[in-house]
C-alpha atoms as a PDB file:
ATOM      1  CA  MET A   1      -7.785 -12.760  78.927  1.00  0.00           C
ATOM      2  CA  GLY A   2      -7.257 -10.811  75.849  1.00  0.00           C
ATOM      3  CA  ARG A   3      -6.053 -13.578  73.692  1.00  0.00           C
ATOM      4  CA  GLY A   4      -7.929 -12.472  70.841  1.00  0.00           C
ATOM      5  CA  GLY A   5      -7.949 -15.826  69.345  1.00  0.00           C
ATOM      6  CA  LEU A   6      -7.429 -19.186  70.794  1.00  0.00           C
ATOM      7  CA  ILE A   7      -7.394 -21.356  67.706  1.00  0.00           C
ATOM      8  CA  PRO A   8      -8.191 -25.050  68.048  1.00  0.00           C
ATOM      9  CA  ALA A   9      -6.618 -27.747  65.917  1.00  0.00           C
ATOM     10  CA  ALA A  10      -7.933 -28.016  62.346  1.00  0.00           C
ATOM     11  CA  GLY A  11     -10.020 -31.109  63.030  1.00  0.00           C
ATOM     12  CA  ALA A  12     -11.631 -29.524  66.046  1.00  0.00           C
ATOM     13  CA  THR A  13     -12.375 -26.403  64.046  1.00  0.00           C
ATOM     14  CA  LEU A  14     -14.189 -28.456  61.411  1.00  0.00           C
ATOM     15  CA  CYS A  15     -16.247 -30.094  64.127  1.00  0.00           C
ATOM     16  CA  LEU A  16     -17.250 -26.708  65.469  1.00  0.00           C
ATOM     17  CA  LEU A  17     -18.183 -25.433  62.046  1.00  0.00           C
ATOM     18  CA  ALA A  18     -20.186 -28.556  61.321  1.00  0.00           C
ATOM     19  CA  ALA A  19     -22.103 -27.962  64.519  1.00  0.00           C
ATOM     20  CA  GLY A  20     -22.947 -24.501  63.251  1.00  0.00           C
ATOM     21  CA  LEU A  21     -21.068 -22.592  65.910  1.00  0.00           C
ATOM     22  CA  GLN A  22     -20.014 -19.175  64.628  1.00  0.00           C
ATOM     23  CA  MET A  23     -17.310 -18.153  67.053  1.00  0.00           C
ATOM     24  CA  THR A  24     -15.578 -14.917  66.149  1.00  0.00           C
ATOM     25  CA  ARG A  25     -11.850 -14.551  66.286  1.00  0.00           C
ATOM     26  CA  ALA A  26     -12.089 -13.335  69.827  1.00  0.00           C
ATOM     27  CA  ARG A  27      -9.113 -14.457  71.864  1.00  0.00           C
ATOM     28  CA  HIS A  28      -9.194 -18.154  71.933  1.00  0.00           C
ATOM     29  CA  ALA A  29     -11.620 -20.375  70.164  1.00  0.00           C
ATOM     30  CA  GLU A  30     -13.528 -22.950  72.147  1.00  0.00           C
ATOM     31  CA  ALA A  31     -12.283 -26.475  72.447  1.00  0.00           C
ATOM     32  CA  ALA A  32     -14.071 -29.073  70.320  1.00  0.00           C
ATOM     33  CA  GLN A  33     -15.491 -30.804  73.382  1.00  0.00           C
ATOM     34  CA  ALA A  34     -16.679 -29.038  76.484  1.00  0.00           C
ATOM     35  CA  PRO A  35     -14.402 -29.714  79.451  1.00  0.00           C
ATOM     36  CA  ALA A  36     -15.736 -31.144  82.650  1.00  0.00           C
ATOM     37  CA  PRO A  37     -17.093 -28.386  84.913  1.00  0.00           C
ATOM     38  CA  ARG A  38     -14.504 -26.941  87.252  1.00  0.00           C
ATOM     39  CA  THR A  39     -15.171 -26.992  90.941  1.00  0.00           C
ATOM     40  CA  SER A  40     -15.765 -23.582  92.497  1.00  0.00           C
ATOM     41  CA  ALA A  41     -14.179 -24.619  95.771  1.00  0.00           C
ATOM     42  CA  SER A  42     -10.863 -22.869  96.342  1.00  0.00           C
ATOM     43  CA  PRO A  43      -8.580 -24.657  98.779  1.00  0.00           C
ATOM     44  CA  ALA A  44      -6.099 -22.631 100.739  1.00  0.00           C
ATOM     45  CA  ALA A  45      -2.817 -21.793  99.060  1.00  0.00           C
ATOM     46  CA  PRO A  46       0.133 -24.000 100.031  1.00  0.00           C
ATOM     47  CA  PRO A  47       2.591 -22.427 102.487  1.00  0.00           C
ATOM     48  CA  PRO A  48       5.152 -20.167 100.787  1.00  0.00           C
ATOM     49  CA  ALA A  49       7.963 -22.312 102.178  1.00  0.00           C
ATOM     50  CA  SER A  50       6.796 -25.074  99.821  1.00  0.00           C
ATOM     51  CA  THR A  51       6.524 -22.827  96.750  1.00  0.00           C
ATOM     52  CA  GLY A  52       9.868 -21.051  96.657  1.00  0.00           C
ATOM     53  CA  GLY A  53       8.633 -18.174  98.821  1.00  0.00           C
ATOM     54  CA  PHE A  54       5.752 -17.386  96.464  1.00  0.00           C
ATOM     55  CA  ASP A  55       2.622 -16.661  98.507  1.00  0.00           C
ATOM     56  CA  GLY A  56      -0.540 -17.734  96.683  1.00  0.00           C
ATOM     57  CA  ALA A  57      -2.713 -16.101  99.334  1.00  0.00           C
ATOM     58  CA  LYS A  58      -1.081 -12.721  98.658  1.00  0.00           C
ATOM     59  CA  ALA A  59      -1.526 -13.208  94.908  1.00  0.00           C
ATOM     60  CA  PHE A  60      -5.197 -14.053  95.463  1.00  0.00           C
ATOM     61  CA  GLU A  61      -5.652 -10.937  97.583  1.00  0.00           C
ATOM     62  CA  HIS A  62      -4.442  -8.821  94.656  1.00  0.00           C
ATOM     63  CA  VAL A  63      -7.043 -10.489  92.430  1.00  0.00           C
ATOM     64  CA  ARG A  64      -9.717  -9.773  95.019  1.00  0.00           C
ATOM     65  CA  ARG A  65      -8.767  -6.105  95.164  1.00  0.00           C
ATOM     66  CA  LEU A  66      -8.933  -5.786  91.377  1.00  0.00           C
ATOM     67  CA  VAL A  67     -12.314  -7.514  91.229  1.00  0.00           C
ATOM     68  CA  GLU A  68     -13.613  -5.080  93.861  1.00  0.00           C
ATOM     69  CA  ILE A  69     -12.749  -2.214  91.500  1.00  0.00           C
ATOM     70  CA  GLY A  70     -15.056  -3.745  88.896  1.00  0.00           C
ATOM     71  CA  PRO A  71     -14.833  -3.763  85.080  1.00  0.00           C
ATOM     72  CA  ARG A  72     -11.525  -2.223  83.951  1.00  0.00           C
ATOM     73  CA  PRO A  73     -11.574  -1.494  80.202  1.00  0.00           C
ATOM     74  CA  PRO A  74      -8.954   0.863  78.738  1.00  0.00           C
ATOM     75  CA  GLY A  75      -9.573   4.550  79.313  1.00  0.00           C
ATOM     76  CA  SER A  76     -12.042   4.006  82.146  1.00  0.00           C
ATOM     77  CA  GLY A  77     -11.980   5.483  85.621  1.00  0.00           C
ATOM     78  CA  ALA A  78     -11.788   1.959  87.002  1.00  0.00           C
ATOM     79  CA  ILE A  79      -8.650   1.078  85.074  1.00  0.00           C
ATOM     80  CA  ARG A  80      -7.016   4.200  86.457  1.00  0.00           C
ATOM     81  CA  GLN A  81      -7.799   2.862  89.930  1.00  0.00           C
ATOM     82  CA  ALA A  82      -6.226  -0.452  88.936  1.00  0.00           C
ATOM     83  CA  GLN A  83      -3.139   1.357  87.639  1.00  0.00           C
ATOM     84  CA  SER A  84      -2.773   3.241  90.897  1.00  0.00           C
ATOM     85  CA  TYR A  85      -3.106   0.008  92.846  1.00  0.00           C
ATOM     86  CA  ILE A  86      -0.502  -1.825  90.754  1.00  0.00           C
ATOM     87  CA  VAL A  87       1.984   1.053  90.917  1.00  0.00           C
ATOM     88  CA  SER A  88       1.543   1.523  94.664  1.00  0.00           C
ATOM     89  CA  GLN A  89       2.097  -2.170  95.320  1.00  0.00           C
ATOM     90  CA  LEU A  90       5.224  -2.290  93.165  1.00  0.00           C
ATOM     91  CA  LYS A  91       6.691   0.776  94.868  1.00  0.00           C
ATOM     92  CA  SER A  92       5.942  -0.689  98.289  1.00  0.00           C
ATOM     93  CA  TYR A  93       8.179  -3.633  97.333  1.00  0.00           C
ATOM     94  CA  GLY A  94      11.010  -1.283  96.440  1.00  0.00           C
ATOM     95  CA  CYS A  95      10.691  -1.888  92.705  1.00  0.00           C
ATOM     96  CA  GLN A  96      11.911   0.570  90.107  1.00  0.00           C
ATOM     97  CA  VAL A  97       8.652   1.397  88.318  1.00  0.00           C
ATOM     98  CA  GLU A  98       8.128   2.868  84.867  1.00  0.00           C
ATOM     99  CA  GLU A  99       4.760   3.994  83.510  1.00  0.00           C
ATOM    100  CA  HIS A 100       4.580   4.126  79.721  1.00  0.00           C
ATOM    101  CA  ASP A 101       1.597   6.133  78.479  1.00  0.00           C
ATOM    102  CA  PHE A 102       0.396   5.778  74.894  1.00  0.00           C
ATOM    103  CA  HIS A 103      -2.818   5.987  72.888  1.00  0.00           C
ATOM    104  CA  GLY A 104      -4.626   3.104  71.248  1.00  0.00           C
ATOM    105  CA  SER A 105      -6.623   3.851  68.106  1.00  0.00           C
ATOM    106  CA  THR A 106      -9.542   1.427  68.243  1.00  0.00           C
ATOM    107  CA  PRO A 107     -12.718   0.860  66.210  1.00  0.00           C
ATOM    108  CA  ILE A 108     -14.686   2.693  68.903  1.00  0.00           C
ATOM    109  CA  GLY A 109     -12.318   5.602  69.462  1.00  0.00           C
ATOM    110  CA  ASP A 110      -8.899   6.671  70.664  1.00  0.00           C
ATOM    111  CA  PHE A 111      -8.144   5.607  74.246  1.00  0.00           C
ATOM    112  CA  PRO A 112      -5.315   6.502  76.628  1.00  0.00           C
ATOM    113  CA  MET A 113      -3.482   3.362  77.693  1.00  0.00           C
ATOM    114  CA  LYS A 114      -0.652   2.631  80.079  1.00  0.00           C
ATOM    115  CA  ASN A 115       1.921  -0.130  80.400  1.00  0.00           C
ATOM    116  CA  ILE A 116       3.439  -0.517  83.859  1.00  0.00           C
ATOM    117  CA  ILE A 117       6.880  -2.087  84.156  1.00  0.00           C
ATOM    118  CA  ALA A 118       8.879  -3.060  87.233  1.00  0.00           C
ATOM    119  CA  LYS A 119      12.597  -3.315  86.472  1.00  0.00           C
ATOM    120  CA  ILE A 120      14.970  -5.270  88.710  1.00  0.00           C
ATOM    121  CA  PRO A 121      18.592  -4.658  87.671  1.00  0.00           C
ATOM    122  CA  GLY A 122      20.801  -7.711  87.219  1.00  0.00           C
ATOM    123  CA  THR A 123      24.528  -8.189  87.073  1.00  0.00           C
ATOM    124  CA  GLY A 124      24.546  -8.944  83.340  1.00  0.00           C
ATOM    125  CA  ALA A 125      23.063  -7.444  80.188  1.00  0.00           C
ATOM    126  CA  GLY A 126      20.336  -9.978  79.422  1.00  0.00           C
ATOM    127  CA  ILE A 127      16.651  -9.418  80.190  1.00  0.00           C
ATOM    128  CA  VAL A 128      13.911 -11.866  81.116  1.00  0.00           C
ATOM    129  CA  LEU A 129      10.417 -10.410  80.838  1.00  0.00           C
ATOM    130  CA  TYR A 130       7.527 -11.762  82.894  1.00  0.00           C
ATOM    131  CA  SER A 131       4.209 -10.294  81.788  1.00  0.00           C
ATOM    132  CA  THR A 132       0.421 -10.246  81.914  1.00  0.00           C
ATOM    133  CA  HIS A 133      -2.448  -7.955  80.970  1.00  0.00           C
ATOM    134  CA  TYR A 134      -4.560  -6.122  83.533  1.00  0.00           C
ATOM    135  CA  ASP A 135      -7.376  -4.658  81.423  1.00  0.00           C
ATOM    136  CA  THR A 136     -10.791  -6.293  81.022  1.00  0.00           C
ATOM    137  CA  LEU A 137     -13.024  -6.415  77.977  1.00  0.00           C
ATOM    138  CA  ARG A 138     -15.685  -3.748  77.573  1.00  0.00           C
ATOM    139  CA  MET A 139     -18.712  -5.732  78.757  1.00  0.00           C
ATOM    140  CA  PRO A 140     -21.254  -4.769  81.435  1.00  0.00           C
ATOM    141  CA  ASN A 141     -20.592  -6.480  84.768  1.00  0.00           C
ATOM    142  CA  PHE A 142     -17.429  -8.204  83.503  1.00  0.00           C
ATOM    143  CA  VAL A 143     -14.890  -8.090  86.347  1.00  0.00           C
ATOM    144  CA  GLY A 144     -12.286 -10.396  84.794  1.00  0.00           C
ATOM    145  CA  ALA A 145     -11.195 -12.301  87.880  1.00  0.00           C
ATOM    146  CA  ASP A 146      -9.389 -14.941  85.825  1.00  0.00           C
ATOM    147  CA  ASP A 147      -9.078 -13.085  82.516  1.00  0.00           C
ATOM    148  CA  GLY A 148      -6.912 -10.184  83.553  1.00  0.00           C
ATOM    149  CA  GLY A 149      -6.983 -10.629  87.326  1.00  0.00           C
ATOM    150  CA  SER A 150      -5.201 -13.950  87.874  1.00  0.00           C
ATOM    151  CA  GLY A 151      -2.098 -13.044  85.870  1.00  0.00           C
ATOM    152  CA  THR A 152      -1.907  -9.628  87.515  1.00  0.00           C
ATOM    153  CA  GLY A 153      -2.060 -11.153  90.992  1.00  0.00           C
ATOM    154  CA  VAL A 154       0.741 -13.569  90.164  1.00  0.00           C
ATOM    155  CA  MET A 155       2.967 -10.862  88.667  1.00  0.00           C
ATOM    156  CA  LEU A 156       2.503  -8.577  91.665  1.00  0.00           C
ATOM    157  CA  GLU A 157       3.517 -11.362  94.033  1.00  0.00           C
ATOM    158  CA  LEU A 158       6.449 -12.238  91.764  1.00  0.00           C
ATOM    159  CA  ALA A 159       7.553  -8.596  91.979  1.00  0.00           C
ATOM    160  CA  ARG A 160       7.434  -8.756  95.778  1.00  0.00           C
ATOM    161  CA  LEU A 161       9.890 -11.658  95.660  1.00  0.00           C
ATOM    162  CA  PHE A 162      12.188 -10.461  92.897  1.00  0.00           C
ATOM    163  CA  CYS A 163      12.486  -6.741  93.640  1.00  0.00           C
ATOM    164  CA  GLY A 164      14.561  -7.443  96.741  1.00  0.00           C
ATOM    165  CA  ARG A 165      16.977  -9.778  94.955  1.00  0.00           C
ATOM    166  CA  LYS A 166      20.050  -9.340  92.811  1.00  0.00           C
ATOM    167  CA  ASN A 167      19.879 -11.675  89.847  1.00  0.00           C
ATOM    168  CA  ALA A 168      22.257 -12.401  86.998  1.00  0.00           C
ATOM    169  CA  LEU A 169      19.606 -11.462  84.443  1.00  0.00           C
ATOM    170  CA  ASN A 170      17.730  -8.185  84.499  1.00  0.00           C
ATOM    171  CA  VAL A 171      14.141  -9.037  85.428  1.00  0.00           C
ATOM    172  CA  TRP A 172      11.349  -6.926  83.962  1.00  0.00           C
ATOM    173  CA  ILE A 173       7.744  -7.500  85.044  1.00  0.00           C
ATOM    174  CA  ALA A 174       5.251  -5.900  82.668  1.00  0.00           C
ATOM    175  CA  PHE A 175       1.533  -5.211  83.073  1.00  0.00           C
ATOM    176  CA  PHE A 176      -0.032  -4.602  79.649  1.00  0.00           C
ATOM    177  CA  ASP A 177      -3.039  -2.426  78.939  1.00  0.00           C
ATOM    178  CA  GLY A 178      -5.351  -2.981  75.963  1.00  0.00           C
ATOM    179  CA  GLU A 179      -4.939  -6.705  75.446  1.00  0.00           C
ATOM    180  CA  GLU A 180      -8.630  -7.298  74.835  1.00  0.00           C
ATOM    181  CA  ALA A 181     -10.267  -6.663  71.457  1.00  0.00           C
ATOM    182  CA  GLN A 182     -11.766  -3.200  71.746  1.00  0.00           C
ATOM    183  CA  GLY A 183     -15.503  -2.957  71.181  1.00  0.00           C
ATOM    184  CA  GLN A 184     -18.829  -2.942  73.000  1.00  0.00           C
ATOM    185  CA  TRP A 185     -19.141  -6.575  74.011  1.00  0.00           C
ATOM    186  CA  SER A 186     -22.629  -7.889  74.745  1.00  0.00           C
ATOM    187  CA  SER A 187     -21.632 -11.559  74.560  1.00  0.00           C
ATOM    188  CA  ARG A 188     -18.438 -13.482  73.883  1.00  0.00           C
ATOM    189  CA  ASP A 189     -18.874 -13.457  70.094  1.00  0.00           C
ATOM    190  CA  THR A 190     -19.988  -9.888  69.383  1.00  0.00           C
ATOM    191  CA  VAL A 191     -16.614  -8.229  68.745  1.00  0.00           C
ATOM    192  CA  GLU A 192     -14.132  -9.364  66.125  1.00  0.00           C
ATOM    193  CA  TRP A 193     -10.576  -9.974  67.288  1.00  0.00           C
ATOM    194  CA  THR A 194      -7.972  -8.888  64.764  1.00  0.00           C
ATOM    195  CA  ASP A 195      -4.223  -8.381  64.943  1.00  0.00           C
ATOM    196  CA  SER A 196      -4.772  -4.606  64.856  1.00  0.00           C
ATOM    197  CA  ASN A 197      -7.639  -4.555  67.393  1.00  0.00           C
ATOM    198  CA  SER A 198      -5.973  -6.281  70.339  1.00  0.00           C
ATOM    199  CA  THR A 199      -2.705  -6.609  72.276  1.00  0.00           C
ATOM    200  CA  TYR A 200      -2.153  -2.851  72.164  1.00  0.00           C
ATOM    201  CA  GLY A 201       0.113  -2.787  75.206  1.00  0.00           C
ATOM    202  CA  SER A 202       2.398  -5.658  74.220  1.00  0.00           C
ATOM    203  CA  ARG A 203       2.714  -4.363  70.669  1.00  0.00           C
ATOM    204  CA  GLU A 204       3.618  -0.940  72.045  1.00  0.00           C
ATOM    205  CA  MET A 205       6.259  -2.369  74.384  1.00  0.00           C
ATOM    206  CA  ALA A 206       7.795  -4.680  71.771  1.00  0.00           C
ATOM    207  CA  ALA A 207       8.090  -1.774  69.321  1.00  0.00           C
ATOM    208  CA  SER A 208       9.593   0.466  72.000  1.00  0.00           C
ATOM    209  CA  MET A 209      12.165  -2.187  72.936  1.00  0.00           C
ATOM    210  CA  ALA A 210      13.066  -2.652  69.279  1.00  0.00           C
ATOM    211  CA  LEU A 211      13.701   1.090  68.905  1.00  0.00           C
ATOM    212  CA  SER A 212      15.782   1.318  72.087  1.00  0.00           C
ATOM    213  CA  GLY A 213      17.851  -1.773  71.293  1.00  0.00           C
ATOM    214  CA  ASP A 214      16.589  -3.583  74.422  1.00  0.00           C
ATOM    215  CA  LEU A 215      14.846  -6.216  72.323  1.00  0.00           C
ATOM    216  CA  ARG A 216      18.265  -7.631  71.363  1.00  0.00           C
ATOM    217  CA  ARG A 217      18.946  -8.164  75.067  1.00  0.00           C
ATOM    218  CA  LEU A 218      15.667 -10.018  75.678  1.00  0.00           C
ATOM    219  CA  LYS A 219      16.441 -13.663  76.450  1.00  0.00           C
ATOM    220  CA  ALA A 220      12.884 -14.782  77.205  1.00  0.00           C
ATOM    221  CA  MET A 221       9.352 -13.385  77.440  1.00  0.00           C
ATOM    222  CA  VAL A 222       7.007 -15.378  79.715  1.00  0.00           C
ATOM    223  CA  LEU A 223       3.304 -14.496  79.583  1.00  0.00           C
ATOM    224  CA  ALA A 224       0.645 -15.464  82.155  1.00  0.00           C
ATOM    225  CA  ASP A 225      -3.017 -15.328  81.155  1.00  0.00           C
ATOM    226  CA  MET A 226      -6.008 -17.146  82.681  1.00  0.00           C
ATOM    227  CA  ILE A 227      -4.133 -19.246  85.221  1.00  0.00           C
ATOM    228  CA  GLY A 228      -6.648 -19.184  88.079  1.00  0.00           C
ATOM    229  CA  PRO A 229      -8.934 -22.221  87.737  1.00  0.00           C
ATOM    230  CA  SER A 230      -9.005 -25.122  90.138  1.00  0.00           C
ATOM    231  CA  ASP A 231      -7.866 -28.363  88.522  1.00  0.00           C
ATOM    232  CA  LEU A 232      -5.482 -26.246  86.470  1.00  0.00           C
ATOM    233  CA  LYS A 233      -4.327 -27.742  83.168  1.00  0.00           C
ATOM    234  CA  ILE A 234      -1.795 -25.718  81.199  1.00  0.00           C
ATOM    235  CA  LYS A 235      -1.142 -27.058  77.714  1.00  0.00           C
ATOM    236  CA  ARG A 236       1.849 -26.356  75.499  1.00  0.00           C
ATOM    237  CA  GLU A 237       0.980 -23.375  73.305  1.00  0.00           C
ATOM    238  CA  THR A 238       2.289 -24.175  69.826  1.00  0.00           C
ATOM    239  CA  ASN A 239       3.003 -20.583  68.727  1.00  0.00           C
ATOM    240  CA  SER A 240       5.399 -20.291  71.672  1.00  0.00           C
ATOM    241  CA  THR A 241       9.157 -20.748  71.328  1.00  0.00           C
ATOM    242  CA  ARG A 242       9.881 -24.466  71.646  1.00  0.00           C
ATOM    243  CA  TRP A 243      13.072 -24.325  73.730  1.00  0.00           C
ATOM    244  CA  LEU A 244      11.490 -21.900  76.207  1.00  0.00           C
ATOM    245  CA  THR A 245       8.371 -24.047  76.526  1.00  0.00           C
ATOM    246  CA  ASP A 246      10.585 -27.090  77.125  1.00  0.00           C
ATOM    247  CA  LEU A 247      12.558 -25.257  79.820  1.00  0.00           C
ATOM    248  CA  ILE A 248       9.395 -24.197  81.670  1.00  0.00           C
ATOM    249  CA  TRP A 249       7.783 -27.638  81.417  1.00  0.00           C
ATOM    250  CA  THR A 250      10.988 -29.314  82.605  1.00  0.00           C
ATOM    251  CA  THR A 251      11.057 -26.954  85.581  1.00  0.00           C
ATOM    252  CA  ALA A 252       7.405 -27.708  86.370  1.00  0.00           C
ATOM    253  CA  ALA A 253       8.007 -31.473  86.185  1.00  0.00           C
ATOM    254  CA  ARG A 254      10.997 -31.188  88.512  1.00  0.00           C
ATOM    255  CA  LEU A 255       8.780 -29.376  91.033  1.00  0.00           C
ATOM    256  CA  GLY A 256       6.156 -32.126  90.838  1.00  0.00           C
ATOM    257  CA  TYR A 257       3.617 -30.230  88.730  1.00  0.00           C
ATOM    258  CA  GLY A 258       3.491 -32.585  85.768  1.00  0.00           C
ATOM    259  CA  GLU A 259      -0.281 -32.946  86.168  1.00  0.00           C
ATOM    260  CA  VAL A 260      -0.681 -29.183  85.810  1.00  0.00           C
ATOM    261  CA  PHE A 261       1.797 -28.452  83.005  1.00  0.00           C
ATOM    262  CA  VAL A 262       0.608 -31.171  80.634  1.00  0.00           C
ATOM    263  CA  ASN A 263       1.926 -32.198  77.229  1.00  0.00           C
ATOM    264  CA  ASP A 264      -1.299 -31.678  75.288  1.00  0.00           C
ATOM    265  CA  THR A 265      -1.176 -28.705  72.924  1.00  0.00           C
ATOM    266  CA  ILE A 266      -3.259 -25.643  72.176  1.00  0.00           C
ATOM    267  CA  VAL A 267      -2.894 -22.758  69.727  1.00  0.00           C
ATOM    268  CA  ALA A 268      -3.383 -19.236  71.060  1.00  0.00           C
ATOM    269  CA  SER A 269      -3.096 -15.703  69.764  1.00  0.00           C
ATOM    270  CA  ASP A 270      -1.965 -13.589  72.711  1.00  0.00           C
ATOM    271  CA  ASP A 271       0.463 -10.921  73.920  1.00  0.00           C
ATOM    272  CA  HIS A 272       3.490 -13.190  73.464  1.00  0.00           C
ATOM    273  CA  LEU A 273       3.151 -12.939  69.673  1.00  0.00           C
ATOM    274  CA  SER A 274       3.994  -9.216  69.788  1.00  0.00           C
ATOM    275  CA  PHE A 275       7.522 -10.250  70.800  1.00  0.00           C
ATOM    276  CA  ILE A 276       7.825 -13.510  68.866  1.00  0.00           C
ATOM    277  CA  ARG A 277       6.994 -11.704  65.629  1.00  0.00           C
ATOM    278  CA  ARG A 278       9.983  -9.454  66.290  1.00  0.00           C
ATOM    279  CA  GLY A 279      12.320 -12.409  66.787  1.00  0.00           C
ATOM    280  CA  ALA A 280      12.277 -12.677  70.598  1.00  0.00           C
ATOM    281  CA  PRO A 281      11.620 -15.974  72.425  1.00  0.00           C
ATOM    282  CA  GLY A 282       8.201 -16.082  74.081  1.00  0.00           C
ATOM    283  CA  CYS A 283       5.880 -18.521  75.846  1.00  0.00           C
ATOM    284  CA  ASP A 284       2.173 -18.237  76.717  1.00  0.00           C
ATOM    285  CA  ILE A 285       1.117 -19.878  80.012  1.00  0.00           C
ATOM    286  CA  ILE A 286      -2.651 -20.250  79.816  1.00  0.00           C
ATOM    287  CA  ASP A 287      -5.468 -22.628  80.755  1.00  0.00           C
ATOM    288  CA  PHE A 288      -8.202 -22.237  78.170  1.00  0.00           C
ATOM    289  CA  ASP A 289     -10.334 -25.253  78.954  1.00  0.00           C
ATOM    290  CA  VAL A 290     -12.700 -22.759  80.582  1.00  0.00           C
ATOM    291  CA  ALA A 291     -13.667 -21.490  77.117  1.00  0.00           C
ATOM    292  CA  THR A 292     -17.100 -23.087  77.119  1.00  0.00           C
ATOM    293  CA  THR A 293     -17.929 -22.028  80.668  1.00  0.00           C
ATOM    294  CA  TYR A 294     -17.222 -18.536  82.008  1.00  0.00           C
ATOM    295  CA  TRP A 295     -14.719 -17.057  79.533  1.00  0.00           C
ATOM    296  CA  HIS A 296     -15.836 -13.646  78.267  1.00  0.00           C
ATOM    297  CA  THR A 297     -18.990 -13.694  80.357  1.00  0.00           C
ATOM    298  CA  PRO A 298     -19.977 -11.871  83.567  1.00  0.00           C
ATOM    299  CA  GLN A 299     -19.488 -15.200  85.349  1.00  0.00           C
ATOM    300  CA  ASP A 300     -15.702 -14.662  85.349  1.00  0.00           C
ATOM    301  CA  THR A 301     -15.884 -13.874  89.056  1.00  0.00           C
ATOM    302  CA  LEU A 302     -13.614 -14.332  92.054  1.00  0.00           C
ATOM    303  CA  ASP A 303     -14.829 -17.866  92.772  1.00  0.00           C
ATOM    304  CA  LYS A 304     -13.201 -18.934  89.474  1.00  0.00           C
ATOM    305  CA  VAL A 305      -9.732 -18.226  90.903  1.00  0.00           C
ATOM    306  CA  ASP A 306      -7.965 -20.728  93.150  1.00  0.00           C
ATOM    307  CA  PRO A 307      -5.108 -19.485  95.384  1.00  0.00           C
ATOM    308  CA  ARG A 308      -3.418 -22.879  95.025  1.00  0.00           C
ATOM    309  CA  SER A 309      -3.288 -22.546  91.222  1.00  0.00           C
ATOM    310  CA  LEU A 310      -1.742 -19.084  91.532  1.00  0.00           C
ATOM    311  CA  ALA A 311       0.862 -20.497  93.916  1.00  0.00           C
ATOM    312  CA  LEU A 312       1.854 -23.371  91.630  1.00  0.00           C
ATOM    313  CA  VAL A 313       2.280 -21.144  88.590  1.00  0.00           C
ATOM    314  CA  GLY A 314       4.176 -18.607  90.682  1.00  0.00           C
ATOM    315  CA  HIS A 315       6.490 -21.330  91.972  1.00  0.00           C
ATOM    316  CA  VAL A 316       7.292 -22.408  88.411  1.00  0.00           C
ATOM    317  CA  PHE A 317       8.024 -18.804  87.455  1.00  0.00           C
ATOM    318  CA  VAL A 318      10.329 -18.376  90.445  1.00  0.00           C
ATOM    319  CA  GLU A 319      12.304 -21.480  89.500  1.00  0.00           C
ATOM    320  CA  THR A 320      12.327 -20.649  85.794  1.00  0.00           C
ATOM    321  CA  LEU A 321      14.583 -17.649  86.453  1.00  0.00           C
ATOM    322  CA  PRO A 322      17.634 -19.614  87.688  1.00  0.00           C
ATOM    323  CA  ALA A 323      17.103 -22.101  84.859  1.00  0.00           C
ATOM    324  CA  LEU A 324      17.281 -19.217  82.368  1.00  0.00           C
ATOM    325  CA  GLU A 325      20.300 -17.748  84.133  1.00  0.00           C
ATOM    326  CA  LYS A 326      22.064 -21.109  83.890  1.00  0.00           C
ATOM    327  CA  LYS A 327      21.259 -21.302  80.169  1.00  0.00           C
ATOM    328  CA  PHE A 328      22.617 -17.825  79.433  1.00  0.00           C
ATOM    329  CA  ARG A 329      25.525 -17.536  81.821  1.00  0.00           C
END
């Protein structure tokens, strides 16, 4: 995940400092207490008929394909393979696909980057944006199965469902490049995360939408990042827009996922802030209790992603759309 800085509550931060831990402002900071180890067993995804048509097995297959490509930092040959895969999948679903090329000026050089956006026209003017990042941090042997892969798999499967539908809201599904802090990572705390050295793709898209006037039409921005673990626990992210968080959590509770979308809180710096800072509603869907285990290490491998978790999050996203359409009709 590129959340350059998951920031724990003040008391937890003091505990970490007292323990002498010098975490950089890389995505999210670690929790004050290490979570219980997650099981590596991945049960089969529930049948799509029970998850609104969302197929967790298909989402997992996308993650597997990305992991097979290997590390995918911006500007690399591997990320170009990932881009080709994402675009080809979206076009196979009949999506209208836009590729937005730009350059990111980073501490280690200027890199070509690309945002990929599937646009599903609606009957009204409003836009709901579902999004994720697909790049990985620049670390040897880091394949980013959860951090970069899990959100991408879910968004590709969401596109398969939505691109054949006519909705009241225009649905945009965005895949951001350059979310990770750019540097030569050797361990999780070797590169500083700053507001200008991360979230390149989301900042580029938010600025572009502001210039075009589309940002005024944006009703909600929903971000998925690190949503693959078994025993998934997604906490309310406190930088996120409160009404949008409430709507998503209400939808999850109605679907029976109250043990997944929990009412504990976390503070994260992530792609959603690129839009929130420009006045648009945004919500970050993320499970960061993995921070003290495999996050930002080469152990972020395919066994850390559970098809069932992808299916549950995808189901909530599917049902969030009609809830938003009802709110803005």
